[in-house]
PDB file of N, CA and C in Angstrom:
ATOM      1  N   MET A   1       0.821  -1.195   0.000  1.00  0.00           N
ATOM      2  CA  MET A   1       0.000   0.000   0.000  1.00  0.00           C
ATOM      3  C   MET A   1       0.862   1.254   0.000  1.00  0.00           C
ATOM      4  N   THR A   2       1.970   1.179   0.709  1.00  0.00           N
ATOM      5  CA  THR A   2       2.850   2.347   0.786  1.00  0.00           C
ATOM      6  C   THR A   2       3.441   2.683  -0.576  1.00  0.00           C
ATOM      7  N   LEU A   3       3.874   1.671  -1.311  1.00  0.00           N
ATOM      8  CA  LEU A   3       4.463   1.924  -2.635  1.00  0.00           C
ATOM      9  C   LEU A   3       3.426   2.472  -3.614  1.00  0.00           C
ATOM     10  N   ALA A   4       2.197   1.972  -3.542  1.00  0.00           N
ATOM     11  CA  ALA A   4       1.135   2.498  -4.403  1.00  0.00           C
ATOM     12  C   ALA A   4       0.847   3.956  -4.043  1.00  0.00           C
ATOM     13  N   THR A   5       0.862   4.266  -2.754  1.00  0.00           N
ATOM     14  CA  THR A   5       0.622   5.634  -2.314  1.00  0.00           C
ATOM     15  C   THR A   5       1.739   6.568  -2.774  1.00  0.00           C
ATOM     16  N   ILE A   6       2.965   6.089  -2.733  1.00  0.00           N
ATOM     17  CA  ILE A   6       4.088   6.902  -3.206  1.00  0.00           C
ATOM     18  C   ILE A   6       3.954   7.190  -4.699  1.00  0.00           C
ATOM     19  N   SER A   7       3.513   6.205  -5.481  1.00  0.00           N
ATOM     20  CA  SER A   7       3.346   6.443  -6.920  1.00  0.00           C
ATOM     21  C   SER A   7       2.249   7.465  -7.182  1.00  0.00           C
ATOM     22  N   VAL A   8       1.159   7.412  -6.426  1.00  0.00           N
ATOM     23  CA  VAL A   8       0.095   8.409  -6.570  1.00  0.00           C
ATOM     24  C   VAL A   8       0.619   9.782  -6.171  1.00  0.00           C
ATOM     25  N   ASP A   9       1.385   9.846  -5.088  1.00  0.00           N
ATOM     26  CA  ASP A   9       1.939  11.114  -4.622  1.00  0.00           C
ATOM     27  C   ASP A   9       2.877  11.726  -5.658  1.00  0.00           C
ATOM     28  N   ARG A  10       3.713  10.922  -6.264  1.00  0.00           N
ATOM     29  CA  ARG A  10       4.643  11.435  -7.277  1.00  0.00           C
ATOM     30  C   ARG A  10       3.910  11.948  -8.514  1.00  0.00           C
ATOM     31  N   LEU A  11       2.847  11.257  -8.896  1.00  0.00           N
ATOM     32  CA  LEU A  11       2.069  11.737 -10.039  1.00  0.00           C
ATOM     33  C   LEU A  11       1.377  13.054  -9.698  1.00  0.00           C
ATOM     34  N   LEU A  12       0.828  13.147  -8.491  1.00  0.00           N
ATOM     35  CA  LEU A  12       0.206  14.405  -8.078  1.00  0.00           C
ATOM     36  C   LEU A  12       1.221  15.539  -8.060  1.00  0.00           C
ATOM     37  N   ALA A  13       2.420  15.278  -7.564  1.00  0.00           N
ATOM     38  CA  ALA A  13       3.458  16.304  -7.538  1.00  0.00           C
ATOM     39  C   ALA A  13       3.810  16.751  -8.960  1.00  0.00           C
ATOM     40  N   LEU A  14       3.835  15.822  -9.882  1.00  0.00           N
ATOM     41  CA  LEU A  14       4.164  16.147 -11.267  1.00  0.00           C
ATOM     42  C   LEU A  14       3.044  16.939 -11.930  1.00  0.00           C
ATOM     43  N   LEU A  15       1.804  16.517 -11.720  1.00  0.00           N
ATOM     44  CA  LEU A  15       0.685  17.162 -12.390  1.00  0.00           C
ATOM     45  C   LEU A  15       0.290  18.494 -11.756  1.00  0.00           C
ATOM     46  N   LEU A  16       0.378  18.595 -10.434  1.00  0.00           N
ATOM     47  CA  LEU A  16      -0.099  19.793  -9.757  1.00  0.00           C
ATOM     48  C   LEU A  16       0.932  20.913  -9.696  1.00  0.00           C
ATOM     49  N   GLY A  17       2.194  20.559  -9.702  1.00  0.00           N
ATOM     50  CA  GLY A  17       3.238  21.585  -9.664  1.00  0.00           C
ATOM     51  C   GLY A  17       3.189  22.397  -8.381  1.00  0.00           C
ATOM     52  N   LEU A  18       2.999  23.700  -8.519  1.00  0.00           N
ATOM     53  CA  LEU A  18       3.019  24.589  -7.359  1.00  0.00           C
ATOM     54  C   LEU A  18       1.770  24.445  -6.486  1.00  0.00           C
ATOM     55  N   ARG A  19       0.690  23.906  -7.016  1.00  0.00           N
ATOM     56  CA  ARG A  19      -0.535  23.711  -6.221  1.00  0.00           C
ATOM     57  C   ARG A  19      -0.472  22.460  -5.353  1.00  0.00           C
ATOM     58  N   TYR A  20       0.619  21.712  -5.437  1.00  0.00           N
ATOM     59  CA  TYR A  20       0.755  20.443  -4.723  1.00  0.00           C
ATOM     60  C   TYR A  20       0.566  20.605  -3.218  1.00  0.00           C
ATOM     61  N   LYS A  21       1.188  21.621  -2.633  1.00  0.00           N
ATOM     62  CA  LYS A  21       1.106  21.806  -1.179  1.00  0.00           C
ATOM     63  C   LYS A  21      -0.298  22.196  -0.735  1.00  0.00           C
ATOM     64  N   GLN A  22      -1.082  22.791  -1.605  1.00  0.00           N
ATOM     65  CA  GLN A  22      -2.456  23.136  -1.261  1.00  0.00           C
ATOM     66  C   GLN A  22      -3.359  21.906  -1.287  1.00  0.00           C
ATOM     67  N   VAL A  23      -3.121  21.024  -2.240  1.00  0.00           N
ATOM     68  CA  VAL A  23      -3.971  19.839  -2.393  1.00  0.00           C
ATOM     69  C   VAL A  23      -3.569  18.745  -1.416  1.00  0.00           C
ATOM     70  N   VAL A  24      -2.268  18.477  -1.316  1.00  0.00           N
ATOM     71  CA  VAL A  24      -1.771  17.416  -0.444  1.00  0.00           C
ATOM     72  C   VAL A  24      -1.385  18.043   0.897  1.00  0.00           C
ATOM     73  N   SER A  25      -2.361  18.135   1.765  1.00  0.00           N
ATOM     74  CA  SER A  25      -2.124  18.755   3.067  1.00  0.00           C
ATOM     75  C   SER A  25      -1.714  17.706   4.094  1.00  0.00           C
ATOM     76  N   LEU A  26      -1.223  18.181   5.217  1.00  0.00           N
ATOM     77  CA  LEU A  26      -0.807  17.292   6.293  1.00  0.00           C
ATOM     78  C   LEU A  26      -2.009  16.521   6.844  1.00  0.00           C
ATOM     79  N   ARG A  27      -3.142  17.175   6.929  1.00  0.00           N
ATOM     80  CA  ARG A  27      -4.358  16.514   7.420  1.00  0.00           C
ATOM     81  C   ARG A  27      -4.783  15.366   6.508  1.00  0.00           C
ATOM     82  N   ARG A  28      -4.735  15.587   5.215  1.00  0.00           N
ATOM     83  CA  ARG A  28      -5.089  14.520   4.259  1.00  0.00           C
ATOM     84  C   ARG A  28      -4.086  13.370   4.320  1.00  0.00           C
ATOM     85  N   THR A  29      -2.823  13.711   4.498  1.00  0.00           N
ATOM     86  CA  THR A  29      -1.797  12.678   4.614  1.00  0.00           C
ATOM     87  C   THR A  29      -2.030  11.811   5.837  1.00  0.00           C
ATOM     88  N   TYR A  30      -2.339  12.452   6.970  1.00  0.00           N
ATOM     89  CA  TYR A  30      -2.649  11.691   8.183  1.00  0.00           C
ATOM     90  C   TYR A  30      -3.877  10.811   7.999  1.00  0.00           C
ATOM     91  N   SER A  31      -4.896  11.327   7.343  1.00  0.00           N
ATOM     92  CA  SER A  31      -6.117  10.536   7.167  1.00  0.00           C
ATOM     93  C   SER A  31      -5.868   9.322   6.268  1.00  0.00           C
ATOM     94  N   ILE A  32      -5.055   9.474   5.252  1.00  0.00           N
ATOM     95  CA  ILE A  32      -4.723   8.339   4.396  1.00  0.00           C
ATOM     96  C   ILE A  32      -3.914   7.306   5.164  1.00  0.00           C
ATOM     97  N   ALA A  33      -2.937   7.752   5.948  1.00  0.00           N
ATOM     98  CA  ALA A  33      -2.114   6.831   6.732  1.00  0.00           C
ATOM     99  C   ALA A  33      -2.962   6.066   7.744  1.00  0.00           C
ATOM    100  N   ILE A  34      -3.863   6.758   8.426  1.00  0.00           N
ATOM    101  CA  ILE A  34      -4.735   6.098   9.406  1.00  0.00           C
ATOM    102  C   ILE A  34      -5.669   5.115   8.719  1.00  0.00           C
ATOM    103  N   THR A  35      -6.184   5.470   7.550  1.00  0.00           N
ATOM    104  CA  THR A  35      -7.050   4.558   6.791  1.00  0.00           C
ATOM    105  C   THR A  35      -6.300   3.284   6.421  1.00  0.00           C
ATOM    106  N   PHE A  36      -5.057   3.413   5.987  1.00  0.00           N
ATOM    107  CA  PHE A  36      -4.266   2.231   5.639  1.00  0.00           C
ATOM    108  C   PHE A  36      -3.977   1.370   6.861  1.00  0.00           C
ATOM    109  N   TRP A  37      -3.702   2.003   8.000  1.00  0.00           N
ATOM    110  CA  TRP A  37      -3.458   1.247   9.225  1.00  0.00           C
ATOM    111  C   TRP A  37      -4.705   0.478   9.642  1.00  0.00           C
ATOM    112  N   ILE A  38      -5.854   1.121   9.550  1.00  0.00           N
ATOM    113  CA  ILE A  38      -7.110   0.452   9.918  1.00  0.00           C
ATOM    114  C   ILE A  38      -7.391  -0.703   8.967  1.00  0.00           C
ATOM    115  N   ALA A  39      -7.188  -0.483   7.673  1.00  0.00           N
ATOM    116  CA  ALA A  39      -7.411  -1.556   6.695  1.00  0.00           C
ATOM    117  C   ALA A  39      -6.481  -2.735   6.956  1.00  0.00           C
ATOM    118  N   SER A  40      -5.236  -2.447   7.291  1.00  0.00           N
ATOM    119  CA  SER A  40      -4.288  -3.525   7.598  1.00  0.00           C
ATOM    120  C   SER A  40      -4.686  -4.260   8.875  1.00  0.00           C
ATOM    121  N   ALA A  41      -5.135  -3.526   9.884  1.00  0.00           N
ATOM    122  CA  ALA A  41      -5.557  -4.151  11.141  1.00  0.00           C
ATOM    123  C   ALA A  41      -6.789  -5.024  10.932  1.00  0.00           C
ATOM    124  N   VAL A  42      -7.734  -4.561  10.134  1.00  0.00           N
ATOM    125  CA  VAL A  42      -8.940  -5.347   9.858  1.00  0.00           C
ATOM    126  C   VAL A  42      -8.581  -6.615   9.094  1.00  0.00           C
ATOM    127  N   THR A  43      -7.719  -6.487   8.103  1.00  0.00           N
ATOM    128  CA  THR A  43      -7.294  -7.660   7.342  1.00  0.00           C
ATOM    129  C   THR A  43      -6.561  -8.657   8.236  1.00  0.00           C
ATOM    130  N   SER A  44      -5.753  -8.158   9.150  1.00  0.00           N
ATOM    131  CA  SER A  44      -5.056  -9.044  10.091  1.00  0.00           C
ATOM    132  C   SER A  44      -6.032  -9.711  11.049  1.00  0.00           C
ATOM    133  N   ALA A  45      -7.044  -8.980  11.492  1.00  0.00           N
ATOM    134  CA  ALA A  45      -8.032  -9.537  12.410  1.00  0.00           C
ATOM    135  C   ALA A  45      -8.882 -10.609  11.728  1.00  0.00           C
ATOM    136  N   ILE A  46      -9.127 -10.438  10.439  1.00  0.00           N
ATOM    137  CA  ILE A  46      -9.899 -11.435   9.689  1.00  0.00           C
ATOM    138  C   ILE A  46      -9.166 -12.771   9.670  1.00  0.00           C
ATOM    139  N   GLN A  47      -7.851 -12.727   9.747  1.00  0.00           N
ATOM    140  CA  GLN A  47      -7.045 -13.950   9.761  1.00  0.00           C
ATOM    141  C   GLN A  47      -7.477 -14.891  10.889  1.00  0.00           C
ATOM    142  N   PHE A  48      -7.836 -14.333  12.039  1.00  0.00           N
ATOM    143  CA  PHE A  48      -8.265 -15.158  13.169  1.00  0.00           C
ATOM    144  C   PHE A  48      -9.665 -15.724  12.976  1.00  0.00           C
ATOM    145  N   TRP A  49     -10.486 -15.036  12.194  1.00  0.00           N
ATOM    146  CA  TRP A  49     -11.861 -15.470  11.963  1.00  0.00           C
ATOM    147  C   TRP A  49     -11.937 -16.503  10.849  1.00  0.00           C
ATOM    148  N   ASN A  50     -11.343 -16.174   9.699  1.00  0.00           N
ATOM    149  CA  ASN A  50     -11.370 -17.080   8.552  1.00  0.00           C
ATOM    150  C   ASN A  50     -10.120 -16.819   7.708  1.00  0.00           C
ATOM    151  N   GLY A  51      -9.220 -17.782   7.697  1.00  0.00           N
ATOM    152  CA  GLY A  51      -7.961 -17.630   6.978  1.00  0.00           C
ATOM    153  C   GLY A  51      -8.123 -17.513   5.481  1.00  0.00           C
ATOM    154  N   LEU A  52      -9.143 -18.158   4.915  1.00  0.00           N
ATOM    155  CA  LEU A  52      -9.357 -18.110   3.470  1.00  0.00           C
ATOM    156  C   LEU A  52      -9.769 -16.707   3.020  1.00  0.00           C
ATOM    157  N   ILE A  53     -10.620 -16.061   3.800  1.00  0.00           N
ATOM    158  CA  ILE A  53     -11.023 -14.690   3.457  1.00  0.00           C
ATOM    159  C   ILE A  53      -9.818 -13.757   3.547  1.00  0.00           C
ATOM    160  N   ALA A  54      -9.002 -13.943   4.575  1.00  0.00           N
ATOM    161  CA  ALA A  54      -7.803 -13.110   4.712  1.00  0.00           C
ATOM    162  C   ALA A  54      -6.847 -13.326   3.543  1.00  0.00           C
ATOM    163  N   LEU A  55      -6.739 -14.565   3.096  1.00  0.00           N
ATOM    164  CA  LEU A  55      -5.881 -14.853   1.944  1.00  0.00           C
ATOM    165  C   LEU A  55      -6.378 -14.130   0.703  1.00  0.00           C
ATOM    166  N   TRP A  56      -7.681 -14.176   0.464  1.00  0.00           N
ATOM    167  CA  TRP A  56      -8.236 -13.497  -0.708  1.00  0.00           C
ATOM    168  C   TRP A  56      -8.124 -11.978  -0.586  1.00  0.00           C
ATOM    169  N   CYS A  57      -8.302 -11.452   0.611  1.00  0.00           N
ATOM    170  CA  CYS A  57      -8.105 -10.010   0.812  1.00  0.00           C
ATOM    171  C   CYS A  57      -6.665  -9.619   0.491  1.00  0.00           C
ATOM    172  N   GLY A  58      -5.730 -10.443   0.914  1.00  0.00           N
ATOM    173  CA  GLY A  58      -4.324 -10.175   0.627  1.00  0.00           C
ATOM    174  C   GLY A  58      -4.010 -10.236  -0.853  1.00  0.00           C
ATOM    175  N   ILE A  59      -4.532 -11.251  -1.522  1.00  0.00           N
ATOM    176  CA  ILE A  59      -4.285 -11.399  -2.967  1.00  0.00           C
ATOM    177  C   ILE A  59      -4.875 -10.220  -3.731  1.00  0.00           C
ATOM    178  N   ILE A  60      -6.110  -9.861  -3.412  1.00  0.00           N
ATOM    179  CA  ILE A  60      -6.763  -8.741  -4.094  1.00  0.00           C
ATOM    180  C   ILE A  60      -6.050  -7.433  -3.779  1.00  0.00           C
ATOM    181  N   GLY A  61      -5.661  -7.233  -2.518  1.00  0.00           N
ATOM    182  CA  GLY A  61      -4.969  -6.005  -2.132  1.00  0.00           C
ATOM    183  C   GLY A  61      -3.621  -5.852  -2.812  1.00  0.00           C
ATOM    184  N   ILE A  62      -2.855  -6.928  -2.844  1.00  0.00           N
ATOM    185  CA  ILE A  62      -1.548  -6.873  -3.502  1.00  0.00           C
ATOM    186  C   ILE A  62      -1.697  -6.634  -4.998  1.00  0.00           C
ATOM    187  N   ALA A  63      -2.640  -7.336  -5.621  1.00  0.00           N
ATOM    188  CA  ALA A  63      -2.865  -7.150  -7.054  1.00  0.00           C
ATOM    189  C   ALA A  63      -3.292  -5.717  -7.359  1.00  0.00           C
ATOM    190  N   LEU A  64      -4.179  -5.175  -6.539  1.00  0.00           N
ATOM    191  CA  LEU A  64      -4.635  -3.808  -6.746  1.00  0.00           C
ATOM    192  C   LEU A  64      -3.495  -2.805  -6.594  1.00  0.00           C
ATOM    193  N   CYS A  65      -2.655  -3.001  -5.603  1.00  0.00           N
ATOM    194  CA  CYS A  65      -1.514  -2.098  -5.406  1.00  0.00           C
ATOM    195  C   CYS A  65      -0.517  -2.179  -6.566  1.00  0.00           C
ATOM    196  N   ILE A  66      -0.288  -3.373  -7.078  1.00  0.00           N
ATOM    197  CA  ILE A  66       0.615  -3.526  -8.223  1.00  0.00           C
ATOM    198  C   ILE A  66       0.037  -2.854  -9.457  1.00  0.00           C
ATOM    199  N   ILE A  67      -1.259  -3.012  -9.673  1.00  0.00           N
ATOM    200  CA  ILE A  67      -1.910  -2.386 -10.828  1.00  0.00           C
ATOM    201  C   ILE A  67      -1.842  -0.867 -10.714  1.00  0.00           C
ATOM    202  N   ILE A  68      -2.131  -0.327  -9.532  1.00  0.00           N
ATOM    203  CA  ILE A  68      -2.090   1.126  -9.328  1.00  0.00           C
ATOM    204  C   ILE A  68      -0.672   1.654  -9.559  1.00  0.00           C
ATOM    205  N   SER A  69       0.316   1.012  -8.958  1.00  0.00           N
ATOM    206  CA  SER A  69       1.702   1.472  -9.120  1.00  0.00           C
ATOM    207  C   SER A  69       2.145   1.416 -10.572  1.00  0.00           C
ATOM    208  N   THR A  70       1.834   0.326 -11.244  1.00  0.00           N
ATOM    209  CA  THR A  70       2.220   0.182 -12.649  1.00  0.00           C
ATOM    210  C   THR A  70       1.559   1.247 -13.509  1.00  0.00           C
ATOM    211  N   PHE A  71       0.270   1.468 -13.310  1.00  0.00           N
ATOM    212  CA  PHE A  71      -0.458   2.448 -14.110  1.00  0.00           C
ATOM    213  C   PHE A  71       0.098   3.855 -13.897  1.00  0.00           C
ATOM    214  N   TYR A  72       0.302   4.248 -12.630  1.00  0.00           N
ATOM    215  CA  TYR A  72       0.748   5.609 -12.354  1.00  0.00           C
ATOM    216  C   TYR A  72       2.199   5.839 -12.769  1.00  0.00           C
ATOM    217  N   TYR A  73       3.080   4.862 -12.564  1.00  0.00           N
ATOM    218  CA  TYR A  73       4.463   5.049 -13.013  1.00  0.00           C
ATOM    219  C   TYR A  73       4.548   5.070 -14.537  1.00  0.00           C
ATOM    220  N   THR A  74       3.685   4.323 -15.215  1.00  0.00           N
ATOM    221  CA  THR A  74       3.632   4.394 -16.673  1.00  0.00           C
ATOM    222  C   THR A  74       3.169   5.769 -17.119  1.00  0.00           C
ATOM    223  N   LYS A  75       2.171   6.295 -16.434  1.00  0.00           N
ATOM    224  CA  LYS A  75       1.683   7.631 -16.761  1.00  0.00           C
ATOM    225  C   LYS A  75       2.771   8.679 -16.526  1.00  0.00           C
ATOM    226  N   ILE A  76       3.505   8.548 -15.422  1.00  0.00           N
ATOM    227  CA  ILE A  76       4.618   9.467 -15.143  1.00  0.00           C
ATOM    228  C   ILE A  76       5.671   9.369 -16.245  1.00  0.00           C
ATOM    229  N   PHE A  77       5.972   8.144 -16.667  1.00  0.00           N
ATOM    230  CA  PHE A  77       6.964   7.942 -17.724  1.00  0.00           C
ATOM    231  C   PHE A  77       6.549   8.658 -19.000  1.00  0.00           C
ATOM    232  N   PHE A  78       5.280   8.497 -19.397  1.00  0.00           N
ATOM    233  CA  PHE A  78       4.827   9.119 -20.641  1.00  0.00           C
ATOM    234  C   PHE A  78       4.705  10.635 -20.533  1.00  0.00           C
ATOM    235  N   ILE A  79       4.582  11.159 -19.332  1.00  0.00           N
ATOM    236  CA  ILE A  79       4.584  12.614 -19.170  1.00  0.00           C
ATOM    237  C   ILE A  79       6.007  13.155 -19.253  1.00  0.00           C
ATOM    238  N   LEU A  80       6.957  12.454 -18.640  1.00  0.00           N
ATOM    239  CA  LEU A  80       8.334  12.955 -18.588  1.00  0.00           C
ATOM    240  C   LEU A  80       9.158  12.634 -19.833  1.00  0.00           C
ATOM    241  N   ARG A  81       8.781  11.604 -20.567  1.00  0.00           N
ATOM    242  CA  ARG A  81       9.563  11.185 -21.743  1.00  0.00           C
ATOM    243  C   ARG A  81       9.716  12.293 -22.783  1.00  0.00           C
ATOM    244  N   PRO A  82       8.637  12.986 -23.175  1.00  0.00           N
ATOM    245  CA  PRO A  82       8.820  14.075 -24.159  1.00  0.00           C
ATOM    246  C   PRO A  82       9.717  15.197 -23.638  1.00  0.00           C
ATOM    247  N   GLN A  83       9.682  15.450 -22.339  1.00  0.00           N
ATOM    248  CA  GLN A  83      10.538  16.497 -21.779  1.00  0.00           C
ATOM    249  C   GLN A  83      11.998  16.097 -21.852  1.00  0.00           C
ATOM    250  N   GLN A  84      12.288  14.807 -21.676  1.00  0.00           N
ATOM    251  CA  GLN A  84      13.670  14.326 -21.765  1.00  0.00           C
ATOM    252  C   GLN A  84      14.150  14.400 -23.219  1.00  0.00           C
ATOM    253  N   ASN A  85      13.296  14.037 -24.154  1.00  0.00           N
ATOM    254  CA  ASN A  85      13.677  14.086 -25.566  1.00  0.00           C
ATOM    255  C   ASN A  85      13.868  15.520 -26.047  1.00  0.00           C
ATOM    256  N   HIS A  86      13.139  16.440 -25.453  1.00  0.00           N
ATOM    257  CA  HIS A  86      13.226  17.844 -25.851  1.00  0.00           C
ATOM    258  C   HIS A  86      14.545  18.466 -25.379  1.00  0.00           C
ATOM    259  N   ALA A  87      15.061  18.010 -24.270  1.00  0.00           N
ATOM    260  CA  ALA A  87      16.270  18.630 -23.696  1.00  0.00           C
ATOM    261  C   ALA A  87      17.528  18.205 -24.377  1.00  0.00           C
TER     262      ALA A  87
END
């Protein structure tokens, strides 16, 4: 989840430029971090109730994070590539 969040953050920094600090505030950062901690705690607690559900939550979560990271880093690449060729 952390790596997917970093990829989203880097894309926002690239797209927003100087407005980045207005959009990505400390309060929003804390709320995202707390949400991820709660989601991780719930997924861990499910392990004690039903291991199969926890396994599927893990598989879906990991797959989703990989898809998000791949998509956003690809988007970053295609935004920065023309700038590199221009220089």
